[in-house]
Amino acid sequence: MPKLKTHSGAKKRFSMTKNGKVKRAHAYKSHLLNGHGKTTKRKRGLRKGAYADKTNVAAIKKLIPYK
């Protein structure tokens, strides 16, 4: 069986935990971060990591087979 290629975009965005969960970062944290954009409370929440939804986990694991 040949080696599988890791999806370059996915390896930068997702990481695996020891228990097999897929960690991800929150979206919407790239711009409009001051003034009329987002509140401090909302930005603070976006800093924290999150887990990928169970409906997407199988697809993500195929993209990062050796992680």
PDB file of N, CA and C in Angstrom:
ATOM      1  N   MET A   1       0.843  -1.188   0.000  1.00  0.00           N
ATOM      2  CA  MET A   1       0.000   0.000   0.000  1.00  0.00           C
ATOM      3  C   MET A   1       0.890   1.255   0.000  1.00  0.00           C
ATOM      4  N   PRO A   2       0.661   2.181  -0.941  1.00  0.00           N
ATOM      5  CA  PRO A   2       1.488   3.381  -0.993  1.00  0.00           C
ATOM      6  C   PRO A   2       1.155   4.353   0.142  1.00  0.00           C
ATOM      7  N   LYS A   3       2.084   5.242   0.392  1.00  0.00           N
ATOM      8  CA  LYS A   3       1.850   6.261   1.403  1.00  0.00           C
ATOM      9  C   LYS A   3       0.793   7.235   0.898  1.00  0.00           C
ATOM     10  N   LEU A   4       0.051   7.836   1.837  1.00  0.00           N
ATOM     11  CA  LEU A   4      -0.956   8.830   1.486  1.00  0.00           C
ATOM     12  C   LEU A   4      -0.370  10.217   1.664  1.00  0.00           C
ATOM     13  N   LYS A   5      -0.810  11.138   0.814  1.00  0.00           N
ATOM     14  CA  LYS A   5      -0.366  12.518   0.961  1.00  0.00           C
ATOM     15  C   LYS A   5      -1.276  13.246   1.943  1.00  0.00           C
ATOM     16  N   THR A   6      -0.665  14.019   2.818  1.00  0.00           N
ATOM     17  CA  THR A   6      -1.405  14.842   3.767  1.00  0.00           C
ATOM     18  C   THR A   6      -1.864  16.103   3.055  1.00  0.00           C
ATOM     19  N   HIS A   7      -3.104  16.512   3.298  1.00  0.00           N
ATOM     20  CA  HIS A   7      -3.645  17.731   2.710  1.00  0.00           C
ATOM     21  C   HIS A   7      -2.999  18.932   3.408  1.00  0.00           C
ATOM     22  N   SER A   8      -2.275  19.753   2.641  1.00  0.00           N
ATOM     23  CA  SER A   8      -1.486  20.841   3.225  1.00  0.00           C
ATOM     24  C   SER A   8      -2.332  21.855   3.970  1.00  0.00           C
ATOM     25  N   GLY A   9      -3.505  22.180   3.434  1.00  0.00           N
ATOM     26  CA  GLY A   9      -4.378  23.139   4.107  1.00  0.00           C
ATOM     27  C   GLY A   9      -4.913  22.584   5.409  1.00  0.00           C
ATOM     28  N   ALA A  10      -5.256  21.302   5.409  1.00  0.00           N
ATOM     29  CA  ALA A  10      -5.832  20.681   6.596  1.00  0.00           C
ATOM     30  C   ALA A  10      -4.804  20.540   7.716  1.00  0.00           C
ATOM     31  N   LYS A  11      -3.561  20.243   7.363  1.00  0.00           N
ATOM     32  CA  LYS A  11      -2.555  20.049   8.418  1.00  0.00           C
ATOM     33  C   LYS A  11      -2.253  21.357   9.152  1.00  0.00           C
ATOM     34  N   LYS A  12      -2.491  22.503   8.480  1.00  0.00           N
ATOM     35  CA  LYS A  12      -2.284  23.785   9.134  1.00  0.00           C
ATOM     36  C   LYS A  12      -3.474  24.174  10.009  1.00  0.00           C
ATOM     37  N   ARG A  13      -4.637  23.663   9.705  1.00  0.00           N
ATOM     38  CA  ARG A  13      -5.865  24.093  10.382  1.00  0.00           C
ATOM     39  C   ARG A  13      -6.336  23.170  11.496  1.00  0.00           C
ATOM     40  N   PHE A  14      -5.990  21.889  11.422  1.00  0.00           N
ATOM     41  CA  PHE A  14      -6.506  20.924  12.385  1.00  0.00           C
ATOM     42  C   PHE A  14      -5.369  20.190  13.084  1.00  0.00           C
ATOM     43  N   SER A  15      -5.648  19.763  14.317  1.00  0.00           N
ATOM     44  CA  SER A  15      -4.710  18.892  15.009  1.00  0.00           C
ATOM     45  C   SER A  15      -5.506  17.856  15.777  1.00  0.00           C
ATOM     46  N   MET A  16      -4.877  16.723  16.046  1.00  0.00           N
ATOM     47  CA  MET A  16      -5.545  15.624  16.731  1.00  0.00           C
ATOM     48  C   MET A  16      -5.173  15.637  18.206  1.00  0.00           C
ATOM     49  N   THR A  17      -6.133  15.250  19.057  1.00  0.00           N
ATOM     50  CA  THR A  17      -5.847  15.068  20.475  1.00  0.00           C
ATOM     51  C   THR A  17      -5.491  13.596  20.696  1.00  0.00           C
ATOM     52  N   LYS A  18      -5.041  13.270  21.892  1.00  0.00           N
ATOM     53  CA  LYS A  18      -4.677  11.880  22.185  1.00  0.00           C
ATOM     54  C   LYS A  18      -5.874  10.946  22.099  1.00  0.00           C
ATOM     55  N   ASN A  19      -7.057  11.458  22.417  1.00  0.00           N
ATOM     56  CA  ASN A  19      -8.256  10.629  22.392  1.00  0.00           C
ATOM     57  C   ASN A  19      -8.907  10.532  21.021  1.00  0.00           C
ATOM     58  N   GLY A  20      -8.285  11.145  20.003  1.00  0.00           N
ATOM     59  CA  GLY A  20      -8.802  11.039  18.645  1.00  0.00           C
ATOM     60  C   GLY A  20      -9.762  12.135  18.236  1.00  0.00           C
ATOM     61  N   LYS A  21      -9.922  13.151  19.082  1.00  0.00           N
ATOM     62  CA  LYS A  21     -10.772  14.269  18.700  1.00  0.00           C
ATOM     63  C   LYS A  21      -9.984  15.192  17.774  1.00  0.00           C
ATOM     64  N   VAL A  22     -10.720  15.974  16.977  1.00  0.00           N
ATOM     65  CA  VAL A  22     -10.077  16.902  16.048  1.00  0.00           C
ATOM     66  C   VAL A  22     -10.247  18.315  16.585  1.00  0.00           C
ATOM     67  N   LYS A  23      -9.115  18.986  16.850  1.00  0.00           N
ATOM     68  CA  LYS A  23      -9.136  20.350  17.340  1.00  0.00           C
ATOM     69  C   LYS A  23      -9.088  21.321  16.170  1.00  0.00           C
ATOM     70  N   ARG A  24      -9.793  22.441  16.341  1.00  0.00           N
ATOM     71  CA  ARG A  24      -9.800  23.478  15.310  1.00  0.00           C
ATOM     72  C   ARG A  24      -9.827  24.840  15.977  1.00  0.00           C
ATOM     73  N   ALA A  25      -9.558  25.868  15.196  1.00  0.00           N
ATOM     74  CA  ALA A  25      -9.652  27.238  15.692  1.00  0.00           C
ATOM     75  C   ALA A  25     -10.980  27.828  15.244  1.00  0.00           C
ATOM     76  N   HIS A  26     -11.406  28.882  15.910  1.00  0.00           N
ATOM     77  CA  HIS A  26     -12.634  29.548  15.512  1.00  0.00           C
ATOM     78  C   HIS A  26     -12.410  30.399  14.259  1.00  0.00           C
ATOM     79  N   ALA A  27     -13.446  30.561  13.482  1.00  0.00           N
ATOM     80  CA  ALA A  27     -13.406  31.409  12.292  1.00  0.00           C
ATOM     81  C   ALA A  27     -13.731  32.853  12.686  1.00  0.00           C
ATOM     82  N   TYR A  28     -13.657  33.758  11.722  1.00  0.00           N
ATOM     83  CA  TYR A  28     -14.026  35.174  11.890  1.00  0.00           C
ATOM     84  C   TYR A  28     -13.104  35.938  12.834  1.00  0.00           C
ATOM     85  N   LYS A  29     -11.832  35.597  12.841  1.00  0.00           N
ATOM     86  CA  LYS A  29     -10.908  36.326  13.709  1.00  0.00           C
ATOM     87  C   LYS A  29      -9.759  36.950  12.909  1.00  0.00           C
ATOM     88  N   SER A  30     -10.027  37.340  11.677  1.00  0.00           N
ATOM     89  CA  SER A  30      -8.937  37.855  10.863  1.00  0.00           C
ATOM     90  C   SER A  30      -8.977  39.372  10.688  1.00  0.00           C
ATOM     91  N   HIS A  31     -10.157  39.973  10.673  1.00  0.00           N
ATOM     92  CA  HIS A  31     -10.216  41.427  10.499  1.00  0.00           C
ATOM     93  C   HIS A  31     -11.465  41.973  11.174  1.00  0.00           C
ATOM     94  N   LEU A  32     -11.613  43.308  11.138  1.00  0.00           N
ATOM     95  CA  LEU A  32     -12.677  44.013  11.866  1.00  0.00           C
ATOM     96  C   LEU A  32     -12.615  43.688  13.356  1.00  0.00           C
ATOM     97  N   LEU A  33     -11.425  43.833  13.935  1.00  0.00           N
ATOM     98  CA  LEU A  33     -11.234  43.455  15.322  1.00  0.00           C
ATOM     99  C   LEU A  33     -11.316  44.638  16.287  1.00  0.00           C
ATOM    100  N   ASN A  34     -11.484  45.861  15.786  1.00  0.00           N
ATOM    101  CA  ASN A  34     -11.599  47.008  16.692  1.00  0.00           C
ATOM    102  C   ASN A  34     -12.666  47.971  16.180  1.00  0.00           C
ATOM    103  N   GLY A  35     -13.090  48.847  17.032  1.00  0.00           N
ATOM    104  CA  GLY A  35     -14.062  49.851  16.626  1.00  0.00           C
ATOM    105  C   GLY A  35     -15.429  49.271  16.354  1.00  0.00           C
ATOM    106  N   HIS A  36     -15.841  49.317  15.106  1.00  0.00           N
ATOM    107  CA  HIS A  36     -17.198  48.895  14.738  1.00  0.00           C
ATOM    108  C   HIS A  36     -17.285  47.418  14.357  1.00  0.00           C
ATOM    109  N   GLY A  37     -16.252  46.685  14.662  1.00  0.00           N
ATOM    110  CA  GLY A  37     -16.250  45.272  14.274  1.00  0.00           C
ATOM    111  C   GLY A  37     -16.874  44.368  15.319  1.00  0.00           C
ATOM    112  N   LYS A  38     -16.049  43.756  16.147  1.00  0.00           N
ATOM    113  CA  LYS A  38     -16.524  42.776  17.127  1.00  0.00           C
ATOM    114  C   LYS A  38     -16.295  43.290  18.548  1.00  0.00           C
ATOM    115  N   THR A  39     -17.122  42.826  19.462  1.00  0.00           N
ATOM    116  CA  THR A  39     -16.964  43.222  20.851  1.00  0.00           C
ATOM    117  C   THR A  39     -15.789  42.470  21.469  1.00  0.00           C
ATOM    118  N   THR A  40     -15.289  43.003  22.575  1.00  0.00           N
ATOM    119  CA  THR A  40     -14.183  42.365  23.286  1.00  0.00           C
ATOM    120  C   THR A  40     -14.565  40.976  23.747  1.00  0.00           C
ATOM    121  N   LYS A  41     -15.789  40.833  24.212  1.00  0.00           N
ATOM    122  CA  LYS A  41     -16.275  39.544  24.702  1.00  0.00           C
ATOM    123  C   LYS A  41     -16.289  38.503  23.581  1.00  0.00           C
ATOM    124  N   ARG A  42     -16.715  38.939  22.413  1.00  0.00           N
ATOM    125  CA  ARG A  42     -16.776  38.017  21.269  1.00  0.00           C
ATOM    126  C   ARG A  42     -15.377  37.606  20.816  1.00  0.00           C
ATOM    127  N   LYS A  43     -14.456  38.571  20.757  1.00  0.00           N
ATOM    128  CA  LYS A  43     -13.078  38.272  20.354  1.00  0.00           C
ATOM    129  C   LYS A  43     -12.391  37.337  21.341  1.00  0.00           C
ATOM    130  N   ARG A  44     -12.680  37.506  22.625  1.00  0.00           N
ATOM    131  CA  ARG A  44     -12.106  36.648  23.651  1.00  0.00           C
ATOM    132  C   ARG A  44     -12.581  35.211  23.474  1.00  0.00           C
ATOM    133  N   GLY A  45     -13.823  35.041  23.101  1.00  0.00           N
ATOM    134  CA  GLY A  45     -14.361  33.707  22.855  1.00  0.00           C
ATOM    135  C   GLY A  45     -13.758  33.060  21.619  1.00  0.00           C
ATOM    136  N   LEU A  46     -13.443  33.871  20.624  1.00  0.00           N
ATOM    137  CA  LEU A  46     -12.857  33.340  19.383  1.00  0.00           C
ATOM    138  C   LEU A  46     -11.424  32.860  19.573  1.00  0.00           C
ATOM    139  N   ARG A  47     -10.761  33.345  20.639  1.00  0.00           N
ATOM    140  CA  ARG A  47      -9.388  32.912  20.905  1.00  0.00           C
ATOM    141  C   ARG A  47      -9.310  31.446  21.283  1.00  0.00           C
ATOM    142  N   LYS A  48     -10.326  30.969  21.964  1.00  0.00           N
ATOM    143  CA  LYS A  48     -10.297  29.605  22.476  1.00  0.00           C
ATOM    144  C   LYS A  48     -10.440  28.591  21.349  1.00  0.00           C
ATOM    145  N   GLY A  49      -9.811  27.436  21.533  1.00  0.00           N
ATOM    146  CA  GLY A  49      -9.934  26.370  20.565  1.00  0.00           C
ATOM    147  C   GLY A  49     -11.285  25.702  20.655  1.00  0.00           C
ATOM    148  N   ALA A  50     -11.607  24.877  19.664  1.00  0.00           N
ATOM    149  CA  ALA A  50     -12.869  24.147  19.660  1.00  0.00           C
ATOM    150  C   ALA A  50     -12.616  22.790  19.019  1.00  0.00           C
ATOM    151  N   TYR A  51     -13.599  21.925  19.108  1.00  0.00           N
ATOM    152  CA  TYR A  51     -13.496  20.618  18.483  1.00  0.00           C
ATOM    153  C   TYR A  51     -14.353  20.595  17.226  1.00  0.00           C
ATOM    154  N   ALA A  52     -13.901  19.863  16.228  1.00  0.00           N
ATOM    155  CA  ALA A  52     -14.664  19.733  14.990  1.00  0.00           C
ATOM    156  C   ALA A  52     -15.942  18.946  15.262  1.00  0.00           C
ATOM    157  N   ASP A  53     -16.976  19.249  14.527  1.00  0.00           N
ATOM    158  CA  ASP A  53     -18.250  18.555  14.676  1.00  0.00           C
ATOM    159  C   ASP A  53     -18.107  17.098  14.256  1.00  0.00           C
ATOM    160  N   LYS A  54     -18.867  16.221  14.908  1.00  0.00           N
ATOM    161  CA  LYS A  54     -18.731  14.783  14.647  1.00  0.00           C
ATOM    162  C   LYS A  54     -19.069  14.417  13.199  1.00  0.00           C
ATOM    163  N   THR A  55     -19.866  15.250  12.520  1.00  0.00           N
ATOM    164  CA  THR A  55     -20.216  14.957  11.126  1.00  0.00           C
ATOM    165  C   THR A  55     -19.046  15.188  10.179  1.00  0.00           C
ATOM    166  N   ASN A  56     -18.048  15.972  10.612  1.00  0.00           N
ATOM    167  CA  ASN A  56     -16.900  16.290   9.769  1.00  0.00           C
ATOM    168  C   ASN A  56     -15.638  15.527  10.137  1.00  0.00           C
ATOM    169  N   VAL A  57     -15.645  14.847  11.278  1.00  0.00           N
ATOM    170  CA  VAL A  57     -14.421  14.234  11.801  1.00  0.00           C
ATOM    171  C   VAL A  57     -13.840  13.197  10.841  1.00  0.00           C
ATOM    172  N   ALA A  58     -14.675  12.330  10.275  1.00  0.00           N
ATOM    173  CA  ALA A  58     -14.184  11.271   9.390  1.00  0.00           C
ATOM    174  C   ALA A  58     -13.486  11.864   8.171  1.00  0.00           C
ATOM    175  N   ALA A  59     -14.053  12.912   7.590  1.00  0.00           N
ATOM    176  CA  ALA A  59     -13.461  13.549   6.413  1.00  0.00           C
ATOM    177  C   ALA A  59     -12.126  14.203   6.756  1.00  0.00           C
ATOM    178  N   ILE A  60     -12.058  14.854   7.921  1.00  0.00           N
ATOM    179  CA  ILE A  60     -10.826  15.532   8.325  1.00  0.00           C
ATOM    180  C   ILE A  60      -9.722  14.517   8.591  1.00  0.00           C
ATOM    181  N   LYS A  61     -10.075  13.399   9.216  1.00  0.00           N
ATOM    182  CA  LYS A  61      -9.067  12.373   9.509  1.00  0.00           C
ATOM    183  C   LYS A  61      -8.469  11.777   8.242  1.00  0.00           C
ATOM    184  N   LYS A  62      -9.245  11.726   7.161  1.00  0.00           N
ATOM    185  CA  LYS A  62      -8.701  11.250   5.882  1.00  0.00           C
ATOM    186  C   LYS A  62      -7.698  12.248   5.311  1.00  0.00           C
ATOM    187  N   LEU A  63      -7.910  13.527   5.588  1.00  0.00           N
ATOM    188  CA  LEU A  63      -7.022  14.566   5.069  1.00  0.00           C
ATOM    189  C   LEU A  63      -5.695  14.621   5.828  1.00  0.00           C
ATOM    190  N   ILE A  64      -5.718  14.240   7.108  1.00  0.00           N
ATOM    191  CA  ILE A  64      -4.480  14.247   7.910  1.00  0.00           C
ATOM    192  C   ILE A  64      -4.227  12.847   8.475  1.00  0.00           C
ATOM    193  N   PRO A  65      -3.854  11.895   7.617  1.00  0.00           N
ATOM    194  CA  PRO A  65      -3.758  10.496   8.056  1.00  0.00           C
ATOM    195  C   PRO A  65      -2.648  10.212   9.064  1.00  0.00           C
ATOM    196  N   TYR A  66      -1.567  10.967   9.073  1.00  0.00           N
ATOM    197  CA  TYR A  66      -0.424  10.623   9.922  1.00  0.00           C
ATOM    198  C   TYR A  66      -0.279  11.559  11.113  1.00  0.00           C
ATOM    199  N   LYS A  67      -1.300  12.340  11.423  1.00  0.00           N
ATOM    200  CA  LYS A  67      -1.202  13.296  12.519  1.00  0.00           C
ATOM    201  C   LYS A  67      -1.762  12.723  13.790  1.00  0.00           C
TER     202      LYS A  67
END
